[in-house]
Amino acid sequence: MRERVAITGLAFGGKGVGRIGGKVVFVPFTAPGDSAVVDVTSEKKSFSEGVCVELMKPSELRTEPVCPVFGVCGGCSFQHIRYPEEVSWKQKILEETLRRIGGLHEVAFDAPVASEKEYFYRSRARFHVDGADWGFFEALTNRVVDIEECPLLDPLINDAFRGIKSFFRESGTTKTKTIVSTLELGVGQGDGRTVALFHVSKEGKGFPWKVLLDRIPGLKGIEVRPVGPSRPGGMPLFSAGGTSLDYEAGGFKYRAPIGVFSQVNPSGNETLVKKLIEYAGPKGTEMAVDLFSGVGNLTLPLASLAKETVGVESERRAVKAAGANATSNGVLCVEFHKSDVSKWLELSAKDLETSVPGVVVLDPPREGAKKVSRFLARLKPGKIVYVSCSPPTLARDLSILRDGGYRKFRACLIDLFPRTYHMESIVAMEL
């Protein structure tokens, strides 16, 4: 079925929103203000899915995409929309999601913070490999879209990617397919050099990996790990050179091993750290707890102002790096625990109830922290600051905390991921 549809908004996930006979239809790669002929591809009870087959009247919000595979690659959603309008719509999506899913109608929103760069901002990326094809997955599939570069990535990552891809193509596409599954590249701040992490099949163990350090300009280190999630923190199959990424934020210097989470937008991360301190407002007398603390990105700035601080993180390498970062920055009143966050809270329940933290910070993965939020709703620390990359799970968890008695909500959108539908937000709440 084909219908002419007026696109009136955007939904989380990046799709344009219109209506056919009163029923909502989601159409990717459209913009508010478009008039489009839409081919309905899927009918659900409360909504439809469609694709734009003809743009009858383009929106004034539109701009020309810079990437030749935009609309095929699943990485970007908004290259066809002017960046200031993208930020404005992300703010609307965040506000609407918190109201609709979380029932939060009285959140005080700061002005959204746009990224300093809309392109060439990412300091890390993971590429997929399928024979001769190196790139990112096609939208909604596991088919690899072959690329030579990505306009979201730091140019140094693009340079290293092209060099590595050429090297393996020269080695033979059949051999590549049996060896490399994914390639992660990262670049630190200041040194202008990249680090590569390969996930490989068992045939990759004997490959002469060290030659890449001589063949790829700007490559300072390589780590090789087996395909699969088993023992992600265990010993690599091969490692050579410097395999950590150095960066700065909030006046602190950090080192994050390749493959361990760190924020991908350096200037945006600086904004995030500043907002954290503003929202947490430590006065030097309280105990602070940072859940999902990673390499200490938010923990160290918090610890520098609180009386004592605890970081909790499940990834062994991240915990080790966090401790080293605290030592190298001279932050002494902090300790890190390697543990699943929910388990640590359960085991520490009595101590926490005896000495309730003044501030709790949590920065969970995309699935959110439902169980943790329930615990915090019972514990009732004086202030909670929640950092999230997923508005739907954020809204769900905030509703739990609201039901636990938290009422004063202040929030800010920080756009760490321009041209994609992803967004970072930070929310502070008090009883």
Protein backbone atom coordinates (compact mmCIF):
# COMPACT_ATOMS: atom_id res chain seq x y z
CA MET A 1 0.00 0.00 0.00
CA ARG A 2 1.31 3.43 -0.93
CA GLU A 3 0.12 6.69 0.58
CA ARG A 4 1.16 10.31 0.54
CA VAL A 5 2.24 11.19 4.08
CA ALA A 6 3.07 14.45 5.81
CA ILE A 7 6.02 13.90 8.15
CA THR A 8 5.41 15.88 11.32
CA GLY A 9 8.08 14.70 13.75
CA LEU A 10 10.91 12.37 14.65
CA ALA A 11 10.91 9.37 16.99
CA PHE A 12 13.71 7.92 19.11
CA GLY A 13 15.56 5.65 16.70
CA GLY A 14 15.69 8.35 14.02
CA LYS A 15 12.56 7.61 11.99
CA GLY A 16 10.21 10.28 10.74
CA VAL A 17 6.66 10.23 12.10
CA GLY A 18 3.50 10.68 10.07
CA ARG A 19 -0.06 9.37 9.99
CA ILE A 20 -2.17 7.39 7.56
CA GLY A 21 -5.86 7.54 8.42
CA GLY A 22 -4.99 8.54 11.98
CA LYS A 23 -2.58 5.64 12.50
CA VAL A 24 1.06 6.47 13.17
CA VAL A 25 3.58 5.44 10.52
CA PHE A 26 7.35 5.47 11.04
CA VAL A 27 9.47 6.28 7.97
CA PRO A 28 13.30 6.27 8.13
CA PHE A 29 15.39 9.01 6.50
CA THR A 30 12.54 11.50 6.34
CA ALA A 31 12.41 14.92 8.02
CA PRO A 32 9.69 16.95 9.71
CA GLY A 33 8.05 19.02 6.98
CA ASP A 34 8.53 16.41 4.24
CA SER A 35 5.63 15.41 2.05
CA ALA A 36 6.47 11.87 0.92
CA VAL A 37 4.99 8.91 -0.89
CA VAL A 38 5.36 6.06 1.58
CA ASP A 39 5.25 2.34 0.86
CA VAL A 40 3.83 0.64 3.97
CA THR A 41 5.97 -2.42 4.64
CA SER A 42 4.65 -3.58 8.02
CA GLU A 43 1.35 -3.21 9.87
CA LYS A 44 1.20 -3.43 13.66
CA LYS A 45 -1.79 -2.97 15.93
CA SER A 46 -0.97 0.61 16.92
CA PHE A 47 1.48 1.72 14.22
CA SER A 48 2.85 1.01 10.75
CA GLU A 49 6.33 0.93 9.24
CA GLY A 50 7.12 2.29 5.81
CA VAL A 51 9.80 3.48 3.42
CA CYS A 52 9.90 6.70 1.42
CA VAL A 53 9.66 5.89 -2.29
CA GLU A 54 9.25 9.48 -3.52
CA LEU A 55 9.83 12.84 -1.91
CA MET A 56 7.02 15.08 -3.20
CA LYS A 57 7.99 18.19 -1.26
CA PRO A 58 11.21 18.31 0.79
CA SER A 59 11.34 19.86 4.23
CA GLU A 60 13.16 23.13 4.80
CA LEU A 61 15.12 21.30 7.49
CA ARG A 62 16.90 19.16 4.92
CA THR A 63 20.53 19.30 3.91
CA GLU A 64 22.64 17.16 1.58
CA PRO A 65 24.18 14.06 3.27
CA VAL A 66 27.97 13.96 3.10
CA CYS A 67 28.34 10.15 3.08
CA PRO A 68 27.80 8.10 -0.10
CA VAL A 69 26.32 5.16 1.86
CA PHE A 70 23.97 7.23 4.03
CA GLY A 71 20.60 5.51 3.99
CA VAL A 72 22.21 2.08 3.51
CA CYS A 73 24.67 1.94 6.40
CA GLY A 74 22.94 1.61 9.75
CA GLY A 75 25.21 4.04 11.58
CA CYS A 76 23.71 7.45 10.82
CA SER A 77 20.10 8.61 10.97
CA PHE A 78 20.25 12.40 10.55
CA GLN A 79 22.76 13.40 7.88
CA HIS A 80 19.82 14.68 5.80
CA ILE A 81 18.80 17.18 8.52
CA ARG A 82 20.65 20.38 9.41
CA TYR A 83 22.60 19.85 12.60
CA PRO A 84 20.98 22.60 14.76
CA GLU A 85 17.59 21.10 13.91
CA GLU A 86 18.86 17.64 14.81
CA VAL A 87 19.82 18.85 18.28
CA SER A 88 16.46 20.60 18.69
CA TRP A 89 14.57 17.44 17.76
CA LYS A 90 16.70 15.28 20.04
CA GLN A 91 15.70 17.58 22.88
CA LYS A 92 12.02 17.14 21.96
CA ILE A 93 12.46 13.36 21.78
CA LEU A 94 14.10 13.28 25.22
CA GLU A 95 11.36 15.41 26.80
CA GLU A 96 8.56 13.43 25.16
CA THR A 97 10.10 10.08 26.14
CA LEU A 98 10.42 11.08 29.80
CA ARG A 99 6.77 12.18 29.81
CA ARG A 100 5.32 9.23 27.87
CA ILE A 101 7.30 6.34 29.37
CA GLY A 102 8.31 7.77 32.73
CA GLY A 103 5.30 9.94 33.49
CA LEU A 104 7.73 12.76 34.32
CA HIS A 105 6.02 16.07 33.61
CA GLU A 106 7.93 18.47 35.87
CA VAL A 107 11.56 18.09 34.78
CA ALA A 108 13.58 21.32 34.62
CA PHE A 109 15.58 21.11 31.39
CA ASP A 110 18.78 23.04 30.76
CA ALA A 111 19.45 24.16 27.20
CA PRO A 112 20.78 21.25 25.11
CA VAL A 113 24.52 21.22 24.46
CA ALA A 114 25.50 20.59 20.84
CA SER A 115 28.74 18.88 19.87
CA GLU A 116 31.65 21.11 18.89
CA LYS A 117 31.95 18.99 15.74
CA GLU A 118 29.11 17.41 13.80
CA TYR A 119 31.58 15.31 11.78
CA PHE A 120 35.03 13.77 12.43
CA TYR A 121 34.42 13.66 16.19
CA ARG A 122 34.57 9.95 17.11
CA SER A 123 37.74 8.77 18.80
CA ARG A 124 36.80 5.06 18.64
CA ALA A 125 34.97 2.79 16.20
CA ARG A 126 34.32 -0.91 15.65
CA PHE A 127 34.32 -2.24 12.09
CA HIS A 128 32.93 -5.57 10.91
CA VAL A 129 34.64 -7.77 8.36
CA ASP A 130 33.07 -10.19 5.88
CA GLY A 131 35.51 -11.37 3.26
CA ALA A 132 36.42 -8.40 1.07
CA ASP A 133 33.88 -6.14 2.79
CA TRP A 134 35.08 -3.98 5.67
CA GLY A 135 32.74 -1.49 7.29
CA PHE A 136 29.53 -1.24 9.32
CA PHE A 137 26.32 -3.23 9.29
CA GLU A 138 23.54 -2.29 6.92
CA ALA A 139 20.49 -0.98 8.76
CA LEU A 140 18.51 -3.81 10.44
CA THR A 141 20.78 -6.53 8.99
CA ASN A 142 24.12 -8.23 9.60
CA ARG A 143 25.28 -7.49 6.06
CA VAL A 144 28.50 -5.47 6.02
CA VAL A 145 28.46 -2.23 4.01
CA ASP A 146 31.93 -1.86 2.50
CA ILE A 147 33.43 1.60 3.10
CA GLU A 148 36.72 3.40 2.65
CA GLU A 149 36.10 5.98 5.40
CA CYS A 150 33.40 7.32 7.70
CA PRO A 151 32.74 11.05 8.12
CA LEU A 152 31.97 10.62 11.82
CA LEU A 153 35.44 9.32 12.63
CA ASP A 154 38.60 11.16 13.59
CA PRO A 155 40.65 11.38 10.35
CA LEU A 156 43.46 9.42 12.02
CA ILE A 157 41.11 6.47 12.49
CA ASN A 158 40.07 6.66 8.84
CA ASP A 159 43.75 6.66 7.79
CA ALA A 160 44.53 3.60 9.90
CA PHE A 161 41.38 1.81 8.72
CA ARG A 162 42.27 2.27 5.04
CA GLY A 163 45.83 1.07 5.67
CA ILE A 164 44.77 -2.05 7.56
CA LYS A 165 42.04 -2.88 5.05
CA SER A 166 44.52 -2.58 2.16
CA PHE A 167 47.06 -4.74 3.98
CA PHE A 168 44.58 -7.58 4.47
CA ARG A 169 43.23 -7.32 0.94
CA GLU A 170 46.77 -7.78 -0.29
CA SER A 171 46.94 -10.87 1.95
CA GLY A 172 43.89 -12.38 0.17
CA THR A 173 40.18 -11.96 0.90
CA THR A 174 39.62 -15.67 1.63
CA LYS A 175 42.33 -15.66 4.25
CA THR A 176 40.93 -12.47 5.77
CA LYS A 177 37.47 -14.00 6.08
CA THR A 178 38.82 -16.89 8.11
CA ILE A 179 40.83 -14.63 10.41
CA VAL A 180 39.33 -11.22 11.22
CA SER A 181 35.81 -10.82 12.58
CA THR A 182 35.90 -7.26 13.91
CA LEU A 183 38.42 -4.45 14.11
CA GLU A 184 38.26 -1.72 16.76
CA LEU A 185 40.34 1.41 16.26
CA GLY A 186 40.90 4.20 18.75
CA VAL A 187 42.94 7.37 18.91
CA GLY A 188 44.07 9.16 22.05
CA GLN A 189 44.34 12.89 22.56
CA GLY A 190 47.59 14.58 21.75
CA ASP A 191 49.81 11.84 20.38
CA GLY A 192 48.15 11.54 16.95
CA ARG A 193 48.54 7.75 16.94
CA THR A 194 46.05 4.91 16.77
CA VAL A 195 45.55 1.57 18.52
CA ALA A 196 43.98 -1.51 16.88
CA LEU A 197 42.05 -4.34 18.51
CA PHE A 198 41.31 -7.38 16.33
CA HIS A 199 38.83 -10.12 17.20
CA VAL A 200 39.88 -13.18 15.27
CA SER A 201 39.17 -16.86 14.68
CA LYS A 202 41.57 -19.54 15.89
CA GLU A 203 43.43 -19.35 12.55
CA GLY A 204 44.51 -15.83 13.48
CA LYS A 205 46.77 -16.94 16.32
CA GLY A 206 49.72 -17.60 14.03
CA PHE A 207 49.27 -14.58 11.77
CA PRO A 208 52.30 -12.19 11.68
CA TRP A 209 50.50 -9.34 13.43
CA LYS A 210 53.62 -7.40 14.36
CA VAL A 211 54.30 -6.51 10.74
CA LEU A 212 51.29 -4.15 10.88
CA LEU A 213 53.20 -1.84 13.21
CA ASP A 214 55.77 -1.33 10.45
CA ARG A 215 53.30 -1.20 7.56
CA ILE A 216 50.56 1.09 8.93
CA PRO A 217 51.63 4.72 9.51
CA GLY A 218 50.54 6.11 12.87
CA LEU A 219 49.68 2.73 14.38
CA LYS A 220 51.29 2.54 17.83
CA GLY A 221 49.84 -0.68 19.20
CA ILE A 222 47.96 -3.90 18.38
CA GLU A 223 45.97 -6.27 20.50
CA VAL A 224 44.47 -9.53 19.18
CA ARG A 225 41.70 -11.41 20.98
CA PRO A 226 39.58 -14.44 20.08
CA VAL A 227 36.08 -14.02 18.69
CA GLY A 228 33.36 -14.33 21.33
CA PRO A 229 32.62 -12.96 24.79
CA SER A 230 34.57 -15.60 26.73
CA ARG A 231 37.12 -14.14 29.13
CA PRO A 232 36.95 -10.59 27.70
CA GLY A 233 39.44 -9.46 30.32
CA GLY A 234 41.82 -12.39 29.87
CA MET A 235 45.19 -12.46 28.18
CA PRO A 236 45.16 -11.49 24.49
CA LEU A 237 46.44 -13.85 21.82
CA PHE A 238 48.93 -11.17 20.78
CA SER A 239 49.86 -7.71 21.99
CA ALA A 240 52.55 -5.30 20.86
CA GLY A 241 53.23 -1.61 21.27
CA GLY A 242 51.11 0.80 23.27
CA THR A 243 47.56 -0.53 23.51
CA SER A 244 45.91 2.14 25.70
CA LEU A 245 44.23 5.39 24.75
CA ASP A 246 45.16 8.56 26.64
CA TYR A 247 42.73 11.44 27.07
CA GLU A 248 41.96 14.37 29.36
CA ALA A 249 38.73 15.58 30.96
CA GLY A 250 37.95 17.89 33.85
CA GLY A 251 41.62 18.57 34.49
CA PHE A 252 42.45 14.86 34.89
CA LYS A 253 44.51 12.60 32.64
CA TYR A 254 43.20 9.12 31.87
CA ARG A 255 44.45 5.96 30.26
CA ALA A 256 41.90 3.45 28.93
CA PRO A 257 42.93 0.07 27.48
CA ILE A 258 41.66 -0.53 23.95
CA GLY A 259 38.42 -2.50 24.12
CA VAL A 260 37.43 -0.97 27.47
CA PHE A 261 34.62 1.59 27.40
CA SER A 262 35.49 5.26 27.14
CA GLN A 263 33.48 8.15 25.74
CA VAL A 264 33.95 8.66 21.99
CA ASN A 265 33.47 12.44 21.78
CA PRO A 266 36.34 14.17 23.67
CA SER A 267 34.89 17.69 23.78
CA GLY A 268 31.44 16.32 24.64
CA ASN A 269 32.96 14.27 27.45
CA GLU A 270 34.50 17.45 28.85
CA THR A 271 31.02 18.99 28.93
CA LEU A 272 29.61 15.86 30.57
CA VAL A 273 32.19 15.97 33.38
CA LYS A 274 31.47 19.66 34.04
CA LYS A 275 27.73 19.00 34.16
CA LEU A 276 28.28 16.10 36.53
CA ILE A 277 30.09 18.31 39.04
CA GLU A 278 27.47 21.03 38.65
CA TYR A 279 24.61 18.58 39.20
CA ALA A 280 26.24 16.53 41.96
CA GLY A 281 27.42 19.62 43.81
CA PRO A 282 29.76 17.85 46.25
CA LYS A 283 30.62 20.01 49.25
CA GLY A 284 33.56 18.02 50.61
CA THR A 285 31.70 16.46 53.53
CA GLU A 286 29.79 13.62 51.89
CA MET A 287 30.43 10.10 50.76
CA ALA A 288 29.96 9.66 47.01
CA VAL A 289 29.39 6.42 45.09
CA ASP A 290 29.93 6.05 41.33
CA LEU A 291 28.19 2.99 39.89
CA PHE A 292 29.37 1.61 36.52
CA SER A 293 32.53 3.66 37.06
CA GLY A 294 34.61 2.42 34.12
CA VAL A 295 38.14 3.83 34.09
CA GLY A 296 37.14 6.60 36.53
CA ASN A 297 35.97 9.16 33.98
CA LEU A 298 33.35 10.57 36.38
CA THR A 299 34.76 9.11 39.60
CA LEU A 300 37.96 11.14 39.80
CA PRO A 301 36.35 14.58 39.37
CA LEU A 302 33.76 13.56 41.96
CA ALA A 303 36.40 12.22 44.34
CA SER A 304 38.43 15.42 44.13
CA LEU A 305 35.54 17.31 45.75
CA ALA A 306 33.85 14.72 48.01
CA LYS A 307 35.11 13.49 51.39
CA GLU A 308 35.39 9.89 50.21
CA THR A 309 34.35 8.15 47.01
CA VAL A 310 33.75 4.57 45.91
CA GLY A 311 33.64 3.37 42.29
CA VAL A 312 32.02 0.08 41.31
CA GLU A 313 32.68 -1.60 37.96
CA SER A 314 32.44 -5.19 36.70
CA GLU A 315 35.13 -5.08 33.98
CA ARG A 316 38.48 -6.13 35.44
CA ARG A 317 40.65 -4.12 33.07
CA ALA A 318 38.57 -0.99 33.64
CA VAL A 319 38.91 -1.32 37.42
CA LYS A 320 42.67 -1.77 37.13
CA ALA A 321 42.91 1.27 34.85
CA ALA A 322 40.74 3.34 37.19
CA GLY A 323 43.04 2.61 40.13
CA ALA A 324 46.09 3.54 38.06
CA ASN A 325 44.38 6.74 36.88
CA ALA A 326 43.58 7.72 40.46
CA THR A 327 47.20 7.17 41.50
CA SER A 328 48.69 9.05 38.55
CA ASN A 329 46.37 12.01 39.20
CA GLY A 330 47.08 12.06 42.93
CA VAL A 331 43.47 11.30 43.91
CA LEU A 332 43.82 9.41 47.17
CA CYS A 333 40.34 9.43 48.77
CA VAL A 334 38.84 6.93 46.32
CA GLU A 335 38.62 3.16 46.09
CA PHE A 336 37.40 0.95 43.29
CA HIS A 337 35.59 -2.38 43.56
CA LYS A 338 35.40 -5.01 40.84
CA SER A 339 31.85 -6.31 41.06
CA ASP A 340 28.52 -6.51 39.35
CA VAL A 341 26.83 -3.32 40.54
CA SER A 342 23.62 -5.01 41.73
CA LYS A 343 25.57 -7.65 43.66
CA TRP A 344 27.81 -5.03 45.26
CA LEU A 345 24.77 -3.05 46.41
CA GLU A 346 23.22 -6.18 47.91
CA LEU A 347 26.43 -7.14 49.74
CA SER A 348 26.97 -3.57 50.94
CA ALA A 349 23.35 -2.92 51.89
CA LYS A 350 23.87 -2.82 55.66
CA ASP A 351 26.88 -0.52 55.45
CA LEU A 352 25.11 1.79 53.02
CA GLU A 353 22.03 1.97 55.22
CA THR A 354 24.20 2.86 58.21
CA SER A 355 26.07 5.53 56.27
CA VAL A 356 23.82 6.64 53.39
CA PRO A 357 25.83 8.23 50.56
CA GLY A 358 25.28 11.93 50.00
CA VAL A 359 25.65 11.50 46.23
CA VAL A 360 25.21 8.47 43.99
CA VAL A 361 26.19 8.66 40.32
CA LEU A 362 25.27 5.97 37.84
CA ASP A 363 26.20 5.68 34.18
CA PRO A 364 24.81 2.30 33.11
CA PRO A 365 24.95 0.66 29.67
CA ARG A 366 22.10 1.08 27.20
CA GLU A 367 19.82 -1.43 28.93
CA GLY A 368 19.67 0.88 31.94
CA ALA A 369 19.64 -0.05 35.62
CA LYS A 370 16.18 -1.18 36.68
CA LYS A 371 17.29 -3.32 39.61
CA VAL A 372 19.79 -0.70 40.77
CA SER A 373 17.13 2.02 40.61
CA ARG A 374 14.83 -0.03 42.83
CA PHE A 375 17.62 -0.41 45.38
CA LEU A 376 18.38 3.34 45.32
CA ALA A 377 14.68 4.16 45.68
CA ARG A 378 14.77 2.25 48.99
CA LEU A 379 18.18 3.52 50.11
CA LYS A 380 17.28 7.16 49.39
CA PRO A 381 20.69 8.85 49.04
CA GLY A 382 20.53 12.64 49.28
CA LYS A 383 21.14 13.17 45.57
CA ILE A 384 21.27 10.91 42.51
CA VAL A 385 22.84 11.84 39.18
CA TYR A 386 21.93 9.50 36.33
CA VAL A 387 23.90 9.58 33.06
CA SER A 388 22.21 7.78 30.17
CA CYS A 389 22.57 7.06 26.46
CA SER A 390 19.05 5.61 26.17
CA PRO A 391 15.98 7.82 26.83
CA PRO A 392 13.52 4.87 27.05
CA THR A 393 15.43 2.99 29.76
CA LEU A 394 16.26 6.28 31.48
CA ALA A 395 12.55 7.15 31.61
CA ARG A 396 11.70 3.72 33.03
CA ASP A 397 14.33 4.00 35.75
CA LEU A 398 13.46 7.59 36.64
CA SER A 399 9.84 6.56 37.15
CA ILE A 400 11.05 4.01 39.72
CA LEU A 401 13.04 6.70 41.53
CA ARG A 402 10.13 9.14 41.38
CA ASP A 403 7.89 6.52 42.97
CA GLY A 404 10.56 6.17 45.65
CA GLY A 405 10.16 9.80 46.61
CA TYR A 406 12.45 11.77 44.30
CA ARG A 407 10.77 14.92 43.02
CA LYS A 408 13.27 17.60 42.01
CA PHE A 409 14.45 16.61 38.55
CA ARG A 410 16.93 18.63 36.48
CA ALA A 411 18.13 17.37 33.10
CA CYS A 412 20.39 18.26 30.20
CA LEU A 413 20.85 16.74 26.75
CA ILE A 414 24.51 16.56 25.71
CA ASP A 415 24.85 15.52 22.08
CA LEU A 416 27.84 13.20 22.06
CA PHE A 417 26.72 11.40 18.89
CA PRO A 418 25.90 13.87 16.07
CA ARG A 419 24.23 12.55 12.89
CA THR A 420 23.05 9.42 14.72
CA TYR A 421 19.86 8.96 16.74
CA HIS A 422 21.89 8.31 19.89
CA MET A 423 22.12 10.98 22.57
CA GLU A 424 23.61 11.41 26.03
CA SER A 425 21.66 12.97 28.86
CA ILE A 426 22.30 13.69 32.52
CA VAL A 427 19.59 13.96 35.17
CA ALA A 428 19.94 15.08 38.78
CA MET A 429 17.26 14.35 41.38
CA GLU A 430 16.70 15.05 45.04
CA LEU A 431 14.11 13.97 47.60
